[in-house]
């Protein structure tokens, strides 16, 4: 059995970057929801909208990953 170390390293690197990005995006969503309570008026609505956009992007990334596994 021969292991393609370059391909394995590439998969590791891409998965690490995507994981960090996805966790960061989710964290931004949580922070946006917590800012809603301290913000006023239009800023609160903007924070909530941004948080929901972050959560939607996370859900889309997870759905795409599931699609890649199933397909």
Protein backbone atom coordinates (compact mmCIF):
# COMPACT_ATOMS: atom_id res chain seq x y z
CA UNK A 1 0.00 0.00 0.00
CA UNK A 2 1.36 3.40 -1.00
CA UNK A 3 0.19 6.56 0.73
CA UNK A 4 0.11 9.79 -1.25
CA UNK A 5 1.46 12.08 1.47
CA UNK A 6 1.04 15.22 -0.62
CA UNK A 7 -2.67 14.56 -1.11
CA UNK A 8 -3.08 13.69 2.57
CA UNK A 9 -1.36 16.92 3.59
CA UNK A 10 -3.49 18.90 1.17
CA UNK A 11 -6.71 17.42 2.57
CA UNK A 12 -5.50 18.09 6.12
CA UNK A 13 -4.63 21.71 5.32
CA UNK A 14 -7.90 22.47 3.56
CA UNK A 15 -9.98 20.83 6.28
CA UNK A 16 -8.11 22.76 8.97
CA UNK A 17 -8.67 26.10 7.23
CA UNK A 18 -12.34 25.39 6.55
CA UNK A 19 -12.92 24.24 10.13
CA UNK A 20 -11.34 27.37 11.60
CA UNK A 21 -13.32 29.57 9.19
CA UNK A 22 -16.60 27.82 10.01
CA UNK A 23 -16.04 28.09 13.76
CA UNK A 24 -15.11 31.76 13.33
CA UNK A 25 -18.25 32.41 11.32
CA UNK A 26 -20.42 30.71 13.93
CA UNK A 27 -18.69 32.75 16.64
CA UNK A 28 -19.48 35.96 14.77
CA UNK A 29 -23.13 34.88 14.70
CA UNK A 30 -23.18 34.29 18.44
CA UNK A 31 -21.48 37.64 19.08
CA UNK A 32 -24.01 39.34 16.81
CA UNK A 33 -26.88 37.90 18.84
CA UNK A 34 -25.33 39.02 22.10
CA UNK A 35 -24.83 42.56 20.74
CA UNK A 36 -28.56 42.77 20.08
CA UNK A 37 -29.27 43.34 23.76
CA UNK A 38 -26.75 46.17 24.19
CA UNK A 39 -27.39 47.87 20.84
CA UNK A 40 -30.09 50.42 20.10
CA UNK A 41 -32.57 50.73 17.25
CA UNK A 42 -31.19 50.07 13.79
CA UNK A 43 -27.88 48.79 15.13
CA UNK A 44 -29.67 45.96 16.94
CA UNK A 45 -31.53 44.99 13.77
CA UNK A 46 -28.27 45.03 11.82
CA UNK A 47 -26.57 42.84 14.44
CA UNK A 48 -29.38 40.29 14.35
CA UNK A 49 -29.45 40.27 10.54
CA UNK A 50 -25.70 39.73 10.43
CA UNK A 51 -25.95 36.95 13.00
CA UNK A 52 -28.62 35.16 11.01
CA UNK A 53 -26.54 35.56 7.85
CA UNK A 54 -23.58 33.95 9.64
CA UNK A 55 -25.75 31.06 10.81
CA UNK A 56 -27.17 30.63 7.30
CA UNK A 57 -23.66 30.50 5.85
CA UNK A 58 -22.69 27.88 8.44
CA UNK A 59 -25.75 25.81 7.59
CA UNK A 60 -24.99 26.10 3.87
CA UNK A 61 -21.39 24.96 4.44
CA UNK A 62 -22.55 21.96 6.48
CA UNK A 63 -25.18 21.08 3.88
CA UNK A 64 -22.55 21.30 1.12
CA UNK A 65 -20.25 19.02 3.10
CA UNK A 66 -23.02 16.47 3.53
CA UNK A 67 -23.77 16.73 -0.19
CA UNK A 68 -20.11 16.01 -0.99
CA UNK A 69 -20.11 12.97 1.26
CA UNK A 70 -23.35 11.55 -0.15
CA UNK A 71 -22.69 12.27 -3.84
